[in-house]
Protein backbone atom coordinates (compact mmCIF):
# COMPACT_ATOMS: atom_id res chain seq x y z
CA MET A 1 -19.80 -21.67 9.68
CA LYS A 2 -17.07 -20.68 7.25
CA ILE A 3 -15.02 -17.56 6.70
CA VAL A 4 -15.63 -15.59 3.48
CA PHE A 5 -14.13 -12.42 2.04
CA PRO A 6 -15.80 -8.98 2.52
CA GLN A 7 -19.48 -8.78 1.59
CA GLY A 8 -19.58 -12.57 1.51
CA LYS A 9 -17.44 -12.94 -1.61
CA GLU A 10 -15.59 -16.22 -2.02
CA LYS A 11 -12.78 -15.04 -4.33
CA ALA A 12 -10.11 -12.37 -4.09
CA LEU A 13 -7.67 -10.95 -6.64
CA THR A 14 -4.49 -9.01 -5.94
CA PHE A 15 -1.48 -7.85 -7.99
CA SER A 16 2.13 -7.13 -7.00
CA TYR A 17 4.71 -5.25 -9.10
CA ASP A 18 8.36 -4.52 -8.36
CA ASP A 19 11.02 -1.85 -8.93
CA GLY A 20 9.03 1.34 -9.67
CA GLN A 21 10.07 1.94 -13.27
CA VAL A 22 8.19 4.53 -15.36
CA PHE A 23 6.02 1.80 -16.88
CA ASP A 24 4.16 1.72 -13.55
CA ARG A 25 2.34 4.83 -14.81
CA ARG A 26 0.67 2.92 -17.61
CA LEU A 27 0.07 -0.11 -15.40
CA VAL A 28 -1.69 1.93 -12.70
CA GLY A 29 -3.87 3.44 -15.43
CA ILE A 30 -4.90 -0.06 -16.54
CA PHE A 31 -5.71 -1.08 -12.97
CA ARG A 32 -7.88 2.01 -12.52
CA GLN A 33 -9.62 1.45 -15.87
CA TYR A 34 -10.63 -2.08 -14.87
CA GLY A 35 -11.28 -1.45 -11.18
CA LEU A 36 -8.34 -3.57 -9.99
CA LYS A 37 -5.96 -3.10 -7.06
CA GLY A 38 -2.20 -3.50 -7.00
CA THR A 39 0.76 -3.24 -4.65
CA PHE A 40 3.94 -1.58 -5.89
CA HIS A 41 7.27 -2.51 -4.30
CA LEU A 42 9.79 0.29 -4.70
CA ASN A 43 13.54 0.68 -4.29
CA SER A 44 13.97 4.11 -2.74
CA GLY A 45 17.56 4.34 -3.98
CA THR A 46 16.55 4.33 -7.65
CA ILE A 47 13.47 6.53 -7.40
CA GLY A 48 14.01 9.69 -9.42
CA THR A 49 16.84 8.28 -11.51
CA GLU A 50 16.54 7.71 -15.26
CA GLY A 51 13.78 5.25 -16.10
CA TYR A 52 12.14 5.32 -12.68
CA VAL A 53 9.20 7.23 -11.22
CA THR A 54 9.94 10.32 -9.14
CA ALA A 55 9.41 10.83 -5.42
CA GLU A 56 7.11 13.78 -6.11
CA GLU A 57 4.63 11.71 -8.12
CA ILE A 58 4.39 8.77 -5.71
CA PRO A 59 1.40 10.02 -3.65
CA ASP A 60 -0.80 10.70 -6.67
CA LEU A 61 0.46 7.93 -8.94
CA TYR A 62 -0.17 5.15 -6.43
CA ARG A 63 -3.27 6.64 -4.80
CA GLY A 64 -5.74 3.85 -4.10
CA MET A 65 -2.99 1.27 -4.53
CA GLU A 66 -0.33 0.25 -2.00
CA VAL A 67 3.31 1.27 -1.77
CA ALA A 68 5.57 -1.42 -0.27
CA GLY A 69 9.28 -2.00 0.25
CA HIS A 70 11.86 -3.72 -1.94
CA THR A 71 15.10 -2.46 -0.24
CA VAL A 72 17.07 0.70 -1.02
CA THR A 73 19.40 -0.69 -3.71
CA HIS A 74 17.96 -4.10 -4.71
CA PRO A 75 20.99 -6.12 -3.50
CA TYR A 76 21.51 -9.84 -3.01
CA LEU A 77 20.57 -9.80 0.67
CA SER A 78 22.20 -13.20 1.23
CA GLN A 79 25.54 -11.47 0.66
CA LYS A 80 24.88 -8.70 3.18
CA THR A 81 25.87 -8.48 6.82
CA ALA A 82 23.11 -8.36 9.45
CA GLY A 83 23.59 -4.60 9.69
CA GLY A 84 23.49 -4.24 5.93
CA ILE A 85 20.23 -6.16 5.71
CA ALA A 86 18.65 -4.06 8.45
CA GLY A 87 19.80 -0.84 6.80
CA GLU A 88 18.40 -1.81 3.39
CA ILE A 89 15.00 -2.57 4.90
CA TRP A 90 14.74 0.25 7.45
CA GLU A 91 16.02 3.06 5.23
CA ASP A 92 13.74 1.98 2.39
CA LYS A 93 10.75 1.86 4.73
CA LYS A 94 11.53 5.25 6.28
CA THR A 95 12.07 7.00 2.96
CA LEU A 96 9.04 5.52 1.21
CA GLU A 97 6.80 6.39 4.16
CA GLN A 98 7.96 10.01 3.91
CA TRP A 99 7.32 10.13 0.17
CA SER A 100 4.00 8.30 0.12
CA GLY A 101 2.55 9.62 3.37
CA ASP A 102 1.44 6.09 4.29
CA LEU A 103 2.73 3.45 6.67
CA LEU A 104 4.79 0.85 4.84
CA ARG A 105 3.94 -2.69 5.94
CA GLY A 106 4.76 -4.93 2.97
CA PHE A 107 7.86 -6.13 1.15
CA SER A 108 9.05 -8.25 -1.77
CA TYR A 109 12.37 -10.10 -1.77
CA PRO A 110 15.00 -8.81 -4.24
CA PHE A 111 15.96 -11.60 -6.64
CA GLY A 112 13.54 -13.84 -4.77
CA GLU A 113 16.05 -14.59 -1.99
CA THR A 114 14.37 -15.50 1.31
CA PRO A 115 17.09 -16.19 3.93
CA GLU A 116 15.86 -16.69 7.49
CA ARG A 117 17.93 -13.78 8.79
CA VAL A 118 16.22 -11.48 6.27
CA ARG A 119 12.82 -12.61 7.52
CA ALA A 120 13.94 -11.85 11.09
CA ALA A 121 14.99 -8.34 10.05
CA LEU A 122 11.64 -7.79 8.33
CA GLY A 123 9.77 -8.66 11.50
CA SER A 124 11.95 -6.29 13.54
CA ALA A 125 11.18 -3.50 11.08
CA GLY A 126 7.42 -3.97 11.41
CA ILE A 127 7.00 -5.57 7.99
CA GLU A 128 3.89 -7.76 8.07
CA TYR A 129 4.21 -9.68 4.82
CA ALA A 130 6.81 -10.40 2.15
CA ARG A 131 6.24 -11.81 -1.33
CA THR A 132 8.45 -14.45 -2.90
CA VAL A 133 8.74 -15.34 -6.60
CA ALA A 134 7.81 -19.01 -6.15
CA SER A 135 4.65 -19.60 -8.18
CA THR A 136 2.22 -22.09 -6.66
CA GLY A 137 -0.24 -22.27 -9.55
CA ALA A 138 -2.90 -22.42 -6.84
CA PHE A 139 -5.39 -20.07 -5.18
CA THR A 140 -4.47 -20.86 -1.58
CA TRP A 141 -3.90 -18.61 1.43
CA PRO A 142 -0.33 -18.30 2.78
CA GLU A 143 0.43 -19.99 6.07
CA ASP A 144 3.34 -17.62 6.75
CA PHE A 145 2.86 -14.11 5.38
CA LEU A 146 6.63 -13.48 5.46
CA LEU A 147 6.89 -16.28 2.88
CA TRP A 148 3.92 -15.35 0.70
CA ASP A 149 4.13 -17.34 -2.53
CA PRO A 150 2.08 -15.86 -5.41
CA THR A 151 -0.19 -17.86 -7.68
CA CYS A 152 1.95 -16.97 -10.70
CA HIS A 153 3.87 -14.40 -12.71
CA HIS A 154 1.70 -12.51 -15.22
CA ASN A 155 3.37 -14.41 -18.09
CA GLU A 156 2.05 -17.62 -16.54
CA VAL A 157 -1.60 -16.55 -16.52
CA THR A 158 -3.42 -18.92 -18.89
CA GLU A 159 -7.01 -19.18 -20.05
CA GLU A 160 -7.27 -22.38 -18.01
CA LEU A 161 -6.12 -20.57 -14.86
CA ILE A 162 -8.58 -17.73 -15.41
CA GLY A 163 -11.38 -20.19 -16.08
CA HIS A 164 -10.57 -22.18 -12.95
CA PHE A 165 -10.62 -19.02 -10.83
CA LEU A 166 -13.89 -17.71 -12.27
CA HIS A 167 -15.60 -21.11 -12.28
CA PRO A 168 -14.09 -23.19 -9.45
CA HIS A 169 -15.11 -26.66 -8.41
CA ASP A 170 -18.02 -26.87 -5.96
CA TYR A 171 -15.74 -27.97 -3.14
CA GLU A 172 -13.34 -25.01 -3.52
CA ARG A 173 -13.78 -22.02 -1.22
CA ASN A 174 -12.18 -18.61 -0.73
CA LEU A 175 -9.88 -18.60 -3.75
CA LEU A 176 -7.03 -16.07 -3.69
CA PHE A 177 -5.51 -15.23 -7.09
CA TYR A 178 -2.14 -13.46 -6.66
CA ILE A 179 -0.37 -12.21 -9.81
CA TRP A 180 3.07 -10.57 -9.76
CA GLY A 181 5.68 -9.19 -12.14
CA HIS A 182 7.53 -6.06 -13.32
CA SER A 183 5.84 -3.38 -15.41
CA PHE A 184 8.91 -3.01 -17.66
CA GLU A 185 8.33 -6.58 -18.87
CA PHE A 186 5.18 -5.50 -20.70
CA ASP A 187 7.14 -2.97 -22.72
CA ARG A 188 10.15 -5.22 -23.27
CA GLU A 189 8.04 -8.16 -24.39
CA ASP A 190 5.24 -6.16 -26.07
CA THR A 191 2.56 -7.81 -23.92
CA TRP A 192 0.51 -4.79 -22.82
CA GLY A 193 -2.38 -5.93 -25.00
CA ARG A 194 -2.38 -9.45 -23.59
CA PHE A 195 -2.31 -8.12 -20.04
CA GLU A 196 -5.27 -5.84 -20.72
CA GLU A 197 -7.16 -8.88 -21.99
CA ILE A 198 -6.39 -10.66 -18.72
CA CYS A 199 -7.54 -7.65 -16.69
CA GLY A 200 -10.72 -7.38 -18.71
CA LYS A 201 -11.61 -11.03 -18.09
CA LEU A 202 -10.91 -10.82 -14.36
CA SER A 203 -12.56 -7.44 -13.73
CA GLY A 204 -16.17 -6.65 -12.90
CA GLN A 205 -16.91 -9.97 -11.18
CA SER A 206 -19.54 -9.60 -8.47
CA ASP A 207 -18.11 -12.50 -6.44
CA VAL A 208 -14.49 -11.24 -6.49
CA TRP A 209 -12.93 -8.92 -3.91
CA TYR A 210 -10.32 -6.66 -5.56
CA ALA A 211 -7.72 -5.71 -2.95
CA THR A 212 -4.12 -4.72 -2.32
CA ASN A 213 -1.68 -7.11 -0.68
CA ILE A 214 -1.97 -5.48 2.75
CA GLN A 215 -5.77 -5.52 2.62
CA ILE A 216 -5.67 -9.26 1.93
CA LYS A 217 -3.18 -9.83 4.75
CA GLU A 218 -5.18 -7.74 7.23
CA TYR A 219 -8.42 -9.50 6.45
CA ILE A 220 -7.09 -13.06 6.56
CA THR A 221 -5.31 -12.34 9.85
CA ALA A 222 -8.49 -10.95 11.39
CA ALA A 223 -10.50 -13.92 10.10
CA ARG A 224 -8.04 -16.43 11.53
CA ASN A 225 -8.22 -14.70 14.91
CA LEU A 226 -11.98 -15.17 15.34
CA ILE A 227 -12.85 -16.92 18.58
CA VAL A 228 -15.61 -19.53 18.36
CA SER A 229 -17.27 -21.15 21.37
CA ALA A 230 -16.75 -24.85 22.02
CA ASP A 231 -20.34 -25.64 21.04
CA GLY A 232 -20.04 -23.61 17.84
CA ARG A 233 -22.93 -21.31 18.77
CA LYS A 234 -21.07 -18.05 19.27
CA ALA A 235 -18.28 -16.22 17.44
CA TYR A 236 -16.29 -13.27 18.76
CA ASN A 237 -14.22 -10.89 16.63
CA PRO A 238 -11.34 -9.47 18.73
CA SER A 239 -9.78 -7.62 15.79
CA ALA A 240 -10.18 -4.00 14.70
CA ARG A 241 -11.89 -4.81 11.40
CA THR A 242 -15.13 -6.40 10.22
CA VAL A 243 -15.03 -10.08 9.28
CA TYR A 244 -17.68 -11.88 7.24
CA ILE A 245 -18.80 -15.44 7.83
CA LYS A 246 -21.25 -17.65 6.00
CA GLU A 247 -23.53 -19.92 7.94
CA LYS A 248 -26.37 -22.02 6.55
CA GLY A 249 -26.55 -19.88 3.42
CA ARG A 250 -26.65 -16.52 5.18
CA ILE A 251 -23.86 -13.95 5.34
CA LEU A 252 -23.09 -12.58 8.79
CA GLU A 253 -21.15 -9.36 9.34
CA LEU A 254 -19.10 -9.60 12.50
CA LYS A 255 -17.86 -6.12 13.33
CA ALA A 256 -14.81 -5.27 15.43
CA GLY A 257 -15.30 -6.35 19.04
CA GLU A 258 -18.67 -7.96 18.36
CA THR A 259 -20.01 -11.36 19.38
CA CYS A 260 -22.70 -13.01 17.27
CA SER A 261 -24.92 -16.04 17.77
CA LEU A 262 -24.76 -18.87 15.26
CA ALA A 263 -27.54 -21.25 14.34
């Protein structure tokens, strides 16, 4: 028995973009054109100012995507007091939830700083995952979702990396490709065309699950919480979502609260 992604897929792709500048509008359009999913980490304190999206457009602009936190003012959190850290996280979460109409459960670290006391504040605020800026160059699952290292920045996506993801070695399973960046970089560096090429090559793959960050986190957590009998003949899913497993070439759908027999 092995865990697989929804519908038995063995690859997943997710994107993560920070700051909420107006270039998100074009980026979301590209994601929708190619059937991709992204998470957008916003600073509530800059929303509606010059160069940034407005609060009024957030529900429609990011519909089908995910809105996540990035603090109110994008400070160096290592230089903040404990109260200052908590305020930056909580106020951002509260405001973005009001604007988006959704629960906010994700975060990305401003300037890539990941102090332990910030992680503690995230947990207290109900944040379930937080993305770093440390590229792994790999397609692995995070051990600690509050220190979620991406595969790479979008400028680091190469033909070799795409080829490896689409055509992995036989021994590789459940590849997770996580790409991050800032939408303003495409305009500043004139790389919109290159990014569309990347999206085109990664889209429309029948064995790839296209998901937001929180969907990935939810699924992996549920999969890790499966309970398997000592003899390996039964599996129980205590979570609230369906988990898929592959056993002897067949895909089994283990719904919430269900127990299934294994060969």
